[in-house]
PDB file of N, CA and C in Angstrom:
ATOM      1  N   UNK A   1      83.467 109.340  83.208  1.00  0.00           N
ATOM      2  CA  UNK A   1      83.275 110.015  84.319  1.00  0.00           C
ATOM      3  C   UNK A   1      82.507 110.387  84.863  1.00  0.00           C
ATOM      4  N   UNK A   2      81.850 110.041  85.884  1.00  0.00           N
ATOM      5  CA  UNK A   2      81.107 108.856  86.608  1.00  0.00           C
ATOM      6  C   UNK A   2      80.195 110.677  87.929  1.00  0.00           C
ATOM      7  N   UNK A   3      81.295 111.984  88.137  1.00  0.00           N
ATOM      8  CA  UNK A   3      81.312 112.872  88.371  1.00  0.00           C
ATOM      9  C   UNK A   3      81.343 113.888  87.520  1.00  0.00           C
ATOM     10  N   UNK A   4      81.722 113.827  86.422  1.00  0.00           N
ATOM     11  CA  UNK A   4      81.885 115.308  85.238  1.00  0.00           C
ATOM     12  C   UNK A   4      82.920 115.946  85.720  1.00  0.00           C
ATOM     13  N   UNK A   5      83.339 117.298  84.831  1.00  0.00           N
ATOM     14  CA  UNK A   5      84.519 117.607  84.706  1.00  0.00           C
ATOM     15  C   UNK A   5      83.982 119.188  84.928  1.00  0.00           C
ATOM     16  N   UNK A   6      84.617 120.014  84.717  1.00  0.00           N
ATOM     17  CA  UNK A   6      84.576 121.394  85.324  1.00  0.00           C
ATOM     18  C   UNK A   6      83.384 122.070  85.929  1.00  0.00           C
ATOM     19  N   UNK A   7      83.250 123.306  85.196  1.00  0.00           N
ATOM     20  CA  UNK A   7      81.496 123.811  86.206  1.00  0.00           C
ATOM     21  C   UNK A   7      80.907 123.193  86.570  1.00  0.00           C
ATOM     22  N   UNK A   8      80.329 122.272  85.668  1.00  0.00           N
ATOM     23  CA  UNK A   8      78.764 121.718  86.192  1.00  0.00           C
ATOM     24  C   UNK A   8      78.986 120.543  86.507  1.00  0.00           C
ATOM     25  N   UNK A   9      80.518 120.272  87.354  1.00  0.00           N
ATOM     26  CA  UNK A   9      80.316 119.166  88.286  1.00  0.00           C
ATOM     27  C   UNK A   9      79.884 119.044  89.073  1.00  0.00           C
ATOM     28  N   UNK A  10      79.530 117.736  89.473  1.00  0.00           N
ATOM     29  CA  UNK A  10      78.630 116.758  90.510  1.00  0.00           C
ATOM     30  C   UNK A  10      78.607 117.525  92.254  1.00  0.00           C
ATOM     31  N   UNK A  11      77.372 117.850  92.465  1.00  0.00           N
ATOM     32  CA  UNK A  11      76.735 118.622  93.452  1.00  0.00           C
ATOM     33  C   UNK A  11      77.431 117.438  94.731  1.00  0.00           C
ATOM     34  N   UNK A  12      76.862 116.268  94.103  1.00  0.00           N
ATOM     35  CA  UNK A  12      77.382 115.455  95.757  1.00  0.00           C
ATOM     36  C   UNK A  12      78.665 114.916  95.642  1.00  0.00           C
ATOM     37  N   UNK A  13      79.440 115.267  94.539  1.00  0.00           N
ATOM     38  CA  UNK A  13      80.983 115.347  94.381  1.00  0.00           C
ATOM     39  C   UNK A  13      81.756 115.800  95.306  1.00  0.00           C
ATOM     40  N   UNK A  14      81.133 117.297  95.844  1.00  0.00           N
ATOM     41  CA  UNK A  14      81.741 118.055  96.976  1.00  0.00           C
ATOM     42  C   UNK A  14      81.748 117.972  97.858  1.00  0.00           C
ATOM     43  N   UNK A  15      80.285 117.437  98.402  1.00  0.00           N
ATOM     44  CA  UNK A  15      79.938 117.275  99.722  1.00  0.00           C
ATOM     45  C   UNK A  15      80.157 115.884 100.020  1.00  0.00           C
ATOM     46  N   UNK A  16      80.833 115.070  99.311  1.00  0.00           N
ATOM     47  CA  UNK A  16      81.112 113.405  99.310  1.00  0.00           C
ATOM     48  C   UNK A  16      82.638 113.794 100.237  1.00  0.00           C
ATOM     49  N   UNK A  17      83.445 115.161  99.522  1.00  0.00           N
ATOM     50  CA  UNK A  17      84.881 115.117  99.683  1.00  0.00           C
ATOM     51  C   UNK A  17      84.246 115.825 101.334  1.00  0.00           C
ATOM     52  N   UNK A  18      83.443 116.562 101.546  1.00  0.00           N
ATOM     53  CA  UNK A  18      83.368 117.283 102.398  1.00  0.00           C
ATOM     54  C   UNK A  18      82.822 116.392 103.989  1.00  0.00           C
ATOM     55  N   UNK A  19      82.111 115.277 103.574  1.00  0.00           N
ATOM     56  CA  UNK A  19      82.088 114.813 104.629  1.00  0.00           C
ATOM     57  C   UNK A  19      83.250 113.497 104.935  1.00  0.00           C
ATOM     58  N   UNK A  20      84.024 113.127 103.617  1.00  0.00           N
ATOM     59  CA  UNK A  20      84.877 112.486 104.083  1.00  0.00           C
ATOM     60  C   UNK A  20      86.100 113.720 104.535  1.00  0.00           C
ATOM     61  N   UNK A  21      86.176 114.572 104.828  1.00  0.00           N
ATOM     62  CA  UNK A  21      87.317 115.355 105.192  1.00  0.00           C
ATOM     63  C   UNK A  21      87.297 115.983 106.778  1.00  0.00           C
ATOM     64  N   UNK A  22      85.828 116.040 106.960  1.00  0.00           N
ATOM     65  CA  UNK A  22      85.138 116.119 108.723  1.00  0.00           C
ATOM     66  C   UNK A  22      85.013 114.642 109.378  1.00  0.00           C
ATOM     67  N   UNK A  23      85.083 114.054 108.660  1.00  0.00           N
ATOM     68  CA  UNK A  23      84.956 112.447 109.678  1.00  0.00           C
ATOM     69  C   UNK A  23      86.902 112.626 110.304  1.00  0.00           C
ATOM     70  N   UNK A  24      87.546 112.520 108.771  1.00  0.00           N
ATOM     71  CA  UNK A  24      89.097 112.258 108.812  1.00  0.00           C
ATOM     72  C   UNK A  24      89.335 113.370 109.887  1.00  0.00           C
ATOM     73  N   UNK A  25      89.112 114.243 110.187  1.00  0.00           N
ATOM     74  CA  UNK A  25      89.164 115.312 111.507  1.00  0.00           C
ATOM     75  C   UNK A  25      88.629 115.016 112.408  1.00  0.00           C
ATOM     76  N   UNK A  26      87.869 113.925 112.864  1.00  0.00           N
ATOM     77  CA  UNK A  26      86.932 114.331 113.826  1.00  0.00           C
ATOM     78  C   UNK A  26      88.165 112.767 114.148  1.00  0.00           C
ATOM     79  N   UNK A  27      87.946 111.681 113.289  1.00  0.00           N
ATOM     80  CA  UNK A  27      88.785 110.793 113.529  1.00  0.00           C
ATOM     81  C   UNK A  27      90.149 111.239 115.108  1.00  0.00           C
ATOM     82  N   UNK A  28      90.605 112.273 114.147  1.00  0.00           N
ATOM     83  CA  UNK A  28      92.431 112.746 114.526  1.00  0.00           C
ATOM     84  C   UNK A  28      92.149 113.480 115.431  1.00  0.00           C
ATOM     85  N   UNK A  29      91.133 114.363 115.959  1.00  0.00           N
ATOM     86  CA  UNK A  29      90.610 114.954 117.454  1.00  0.00           C
ATOM     87  C   UNK A  29      90.589 113.658 118.182  1.00  0.00           C
ATOM     88  N   UNK A  30      89.999 112.821 118.459  1.00  0.00           N
ATOM     89  CA  UNK A  30      89.440 111.741 119.223  1.00  0.00           C
ATOM     90  C   UNK A  30      90.503 110.765 119.079  1.00  0.00           C
ATOM     91  N   UNK A  31      90.953 109.642 118.453  1.00  0.00           N
ATOM     92  CA  UNK A  31      92.307 109.526 118.407  1.00  0.00           C
ATOM     93  C   UNK A  31      93.483 109.703 117.521  1.00  0.00           C
ATOM     94  N   UNK A  32      94.403 108.476 118.144  1.00  0.00           N
ATOM     95  CA  UNK A  32      95.516 108.695 117.821  1.00  0.00           C
ATOM     96  C   UNK A  32      96.057 107.318 117.480  1.00  0.00           C
ATOM     97  N   UNK A  33      97.578 107.647 117.188  1.00  0.00           N
ATOM     98  CA  UNK A  33      98.376 106.898 116.317  1.00  0.00           C
ATOM     99  C   UNK A  33      99.784 106.807 116.990  1.00  0.00           C
ATOM    100  N   UNK A  34     100.264 105.683 118.006  1.00  0.00           N
ATOM    101  CA  UNK A  34     101.353 105.337 118.086  1.00  0.00           C
ATOM    102  C   UNK A  34     102.717 104.292 117.689  1.00  0.00           C
ATOM    103  N   UNK A  35     103.716 104.482 117.414  1.00  0.00           N
ATOM    104  CA  UNK A  35     104.442 103.074 117.499  1.00  0.00           C
ATOM    105  C   UNK A  35     103.806 102.043 117.969  1.00  0.00           C
ATOM    106  N   UNK A  36     104.297 100.594 117.814  1.00  0.00           N
ATOM    107  CA  UNK A  36     104.023  99.477 117.927  1.00  0.00           C
ATOM    108  C   UNK A  36     105.531  98.896 118.534  1.00  0.00           C
ATOM    109  N   UNK A  37     105.381  98.238 119.677  1.00  0.00           N
ATOM    110  CA  UNK A  37     106.868  97.738 120.085  1.00  0.00           C
ATOM    111  C   UNK A  37     107.330  96.539 118.682  1.00  0.00           C
ATOM    112  N   UNK A  38     106.027  96.236 117.771  1.00  0.00           N
ATOM    113  CA  UNK A  38     106.295  95.537 117.005  1.00  0.00           C
ATOM    114  C   UNK A  38     107.154  96.270 115.505  1.00  0.00           C
ATOM    115  N   UNK A  39     107.260  97.527 115.718  1.00  0.00           N
ATOM    116  CA  UNK A  39     108.173  98.486 114.391  1.00  0.00           C
ATOM    117  C   UNK A  39     109.513  98.165 115.068  1.00  0.00           C
ATOM    118  N   UNK A  40     110.194  97.976 114.138  1.00  0.00           N
ATOM    119  CA  UNK A  40     112.161  97.839 114.135  1.00  0.00           C
ATOM    120  C   UNK A  40     112.014  99.149 114.156  1.00  0.00           C
ATOM    121  N   UNK A  41     113.224  99.632 115.386  1.00  0.00           N
ATOM    122  CA  UNK A  41     113.755 100.519 115.574  1.00  0.00           C
ATOM    123  C   UNK A  41     115.608 100.590 115.708  1.00  0.00           C
ATOM    124  N   UNK A  42     116.350 101.813 115.020  1.00  0.00           N
ATOM    125  CA  UNK A  42     115.474 102.216 114.056  1.00  0.00           C
ATOM    126  C   UNK A  42     115.027 101.935 112.675  1.00  0.00           C
ATOM    127  N   UNK A  43     114.302 102.764 112.113  1.00  0.00           N
ATOM    128  CA  UNK A  43     114.063 102.649 110.452  1.00  0.00           C
ATOM    129  C   UNK A  43     114.821 101.967 109.680  1.00  0.00           C
ATOM    130  N   UNK A  44     115.119 101.169 109.216  1.00  0.00           N
ATOM    131  CA  UNK A  44     115.793 100.428 107.881  1.00  0.00           C
ATOM    132  C   UNK A  44     114.600 100.842 106.363  1.00  0.00           C
ATOM    133  N   UNK A  45     115.187 101.180 105.634  1.00  0.00           N
ATOM    134  CA  UNK A  45     114.862 101.504 104.195  1.00  0.00           C
ATOM    135  C   UNK A  45     114.677 100.341 103.047  1.00  0.00           C
ATOM    136  N   UNK A  46     114.283  99.369 103.003  1.00  0.00           N
ATOM    137  CA  UNK A  46     114.207  98.380 101.654  1.00  0.00           C
ATOM    138  C   UNK A  46     114.794  99.279 100.483  1.00  0.00           C
ATOM    139  N   UNK A  47     115.986  98.823 100.159  1.00  0.00           N
ATOM    140  CA  UNK A  47     116.955  99.248  99.253  1.00  0.00           C
ATOM    141  C   UNK A  47     116.048  98.788  97.225  1.00  0.00           C
ATOM    142  N   UNK A  48     115.885  97.578  97.369  1.00  0.00           N
ATOM    143  CA  UNK A  48     115.528  96.811  96.381  1.00  0.00           C
ATOM    144  C   UNK A  48     114.192  97.211  96.279  1.00  0.00           C
ATOM    145  N   UNK A  49     113.381  98.298  96.418  1.00  0.00           N
ATOM    146  CA  UNK A  49     111.490  98.908  96.524  1.00  0.00           C
ATOM    147  C   UNK A  49     111.920 100.044  95.564  1.00  0.00           C
ATOM    148  N   UNK A  50     111.225 100.616  95.041  1.00  0.00           N
ATOM    149  CA  UNK A  50     111.014 101.814  93.916  1.00  0.00           C
ATOM    150  C   UNK A  50     110.889 102.612  95.368  1.00  0.00           C
ATOM    151  N   UNK A  51     109.771 102.674  95.764  1.00  0.00           N
ATOM    152  CA  UNK A  51     109.288 103.597  96.661  1.00  0.00           C
ATOM    153  C   UNK A  51     109.685 103.565  97.785  1.00  0.00           C
ATOM    154  N   UNK A  52     109.566 104.774  98.776  1.00  0.00           N
ATOM    155  CA  UNK A  52     110.514 104.123 100.436  1.00  0.00           C
ATOM    156  C   UNK A  52     109.665 103.346 100.571  1.00  0.00           C
ATOM    157  N   UNK A  53     110.569 102.678 101.352  1.00  0.00           N
ATOM    158  CA  UNK A  53     109.409 101.373 102.051  1.00  0.00           C
ATOM    159  C   UNK A  53     110.219 101.159 103.168  1.00  0.00           C
ATOM    160  N   UNK A  54     109.934 100.875 104.597  1.00  0.00           N
ATOM    161  CA  UNK A  54     110.632 100.563 105.736  1.00  0.00           C
ATOM    162  C   UNK A  54     110.670  98.702 105.235  1.00  0.00           C
ATOM    163  N   UNK A  55     111.947  98.119 105.343  1.00  0.00           N
ATOM    164  CA  UNK A  55     112.059  96.960 106.070  1.00  0.00           C
ATOM    165  C   UNK A  55     110.929  96.433 107.374  1.00  0.00           C
ATOM    166  N   UNK A  56     110.495  95.146 107.466  1.00  0.00           N
ATOM    167  CA  UNK A  56     109.787  94.885 107.942  1.00  0.00           C
ATOM    168  C   UNK A  56     108.221  95.561 108.350  1.00  0.00           C
ATOM    169  N   UNK A  57     108.137  96.884 107.229  1.00  0.00           N
ATOM    170  CA  UNK A  57     106.894  97.427 107.804  1.00  0.00           C
ATOM    171  C   UNK A  57     106.667  98.632 109.178  1.00  0.00           C
ATOM    172  N   UNK A  58     105.655  99.174 108.899  1.00  0.00           N
ATOM    173  CA  UNK A  58     105.738 100.458 110.375  1.00  0.00           C
ATOM    174  C   UNK A  58     104.254  99.946 111.016  1.00  0.00           C
ATOM    175  N   UNK A  59     104.589  99.196 111.736  1.00  0.00           N
ATOM    176  CA  UNK A  59     103.174  99.154 112.414  1.00  0.00           C
ATOM    177  C   UNK A  59     103.178 100.148 114.335  1.00  0.00           C
ATOM    178  N   UNK A  60     101.583 100.177 113.911  1.00  0.00           N
ATOM    179  CA  UNK A  60     101.141 101.385 114.793  1.00  0.00           C
ATOM    180  C   UNK A  60      99.918 101.372 115.618  1.00  0.00           C
ATOM    181  N   UNK A  61      99.515 101.420 116.685  1.00  0.00           N
ATOM    182  CA  UNK A  61      99.007 101.237 117.501  1.00  0.00           C
ATOM    183  C   UNK A  61      97.824 102.910 117.358  1.00  0.00           C
ATOM    184  N   UNK A  62      96.329 102.117 117.273  1.00  0.00           N
ATOM    185  CA  UNK A  62      95.271 103.181 116.981  1.00  0.00           C
ATOM    186  C   UNK A  62      94.184 102.731 118.418  1.00  0.00           C
ATOM    187  N   UNK A  63      94.109 104.172 118.956  1.00  0.00           N
ATOM    188  CA  UNK A  63      93.552 103.746 120.398  1.00  0.00           C
ATOM    189  C   UNK A  63      93.184 105.520 120.667  1.00  0.00           C
ATOM    190  N   UNK A  64      91.978 105.373 121.531  1.00  0.00           N
ATOM    191  CA  UNK A  64      91.245 106.815 121.955  1.00  0.00           C
ATOM    192  C   UNK A  64      92.017 107.322 122.855  1.00  0.00           C
ATOM    193  N   UNK A  65      92.559 108.885 122.146  1.00  0.00           N
ATOM    194  CA  UNK A  65      92.584 110.216 123.445  1.00  0.00           C
ATOM    195  C   UNK A  65      92.574 109.922 124.399  1.00  0.00           C
ATOM    196  N   UNK A  66      93.371 110.209 125.465  1.00  0.00           N
ATOM    197  CA  UNK A  66      92.547 110.857 126.828  1.00  0.00           C
ATOM    198  C   UNK A  66      92.276 112.315 126.701  1.00  0.00           C
ATOM    199  N   UNK A  67      90.653 112.047 128.085  1.00  0.00           N
ATOM    200  CA  UNK A  67      90.136 113.644 127.519  1.00  0.00           C
ATOM    201  C   UNK A  67      90.617 114.427 128.569  1.00  0.00           C
ATOM    202  N   UNK A  68      91.446 115.400 128.255  1.00  0.00           N
ATOM    203  CA  UNK A  68      92.163 116.480 129.146  1.00  0.00           C
ATOM    204  C   UNK A  68      90.682 116.877 130.451  1.00  0.00           C
ATOM    205  N   UNK A  69      91.076 117.274 131.223  1.00  0.00           N
ATOM    206  CA  UNK A  69      90.333 117.601 132.903  1.00  0.00           C
ATOM    207  C   UNK A  69      89.885 118.932 132.789  1.00  0.00           C
TER     208      UNK A  69
END
């Protein structure tokens, strides 16, 4: 176990988790996801998959949000 367990956990792990959460929040504030034209609609679930999986996949576009004036 690289970071250890319990009360003597590595401080670097907490810092790393905090930085990843901060980066994710910053991306969500500045960028957005929208369904792509390649995504089938309505979604049809793959019945042969153990997990919930859409047939043909779910495609999305990732783009910068417009600044509010």
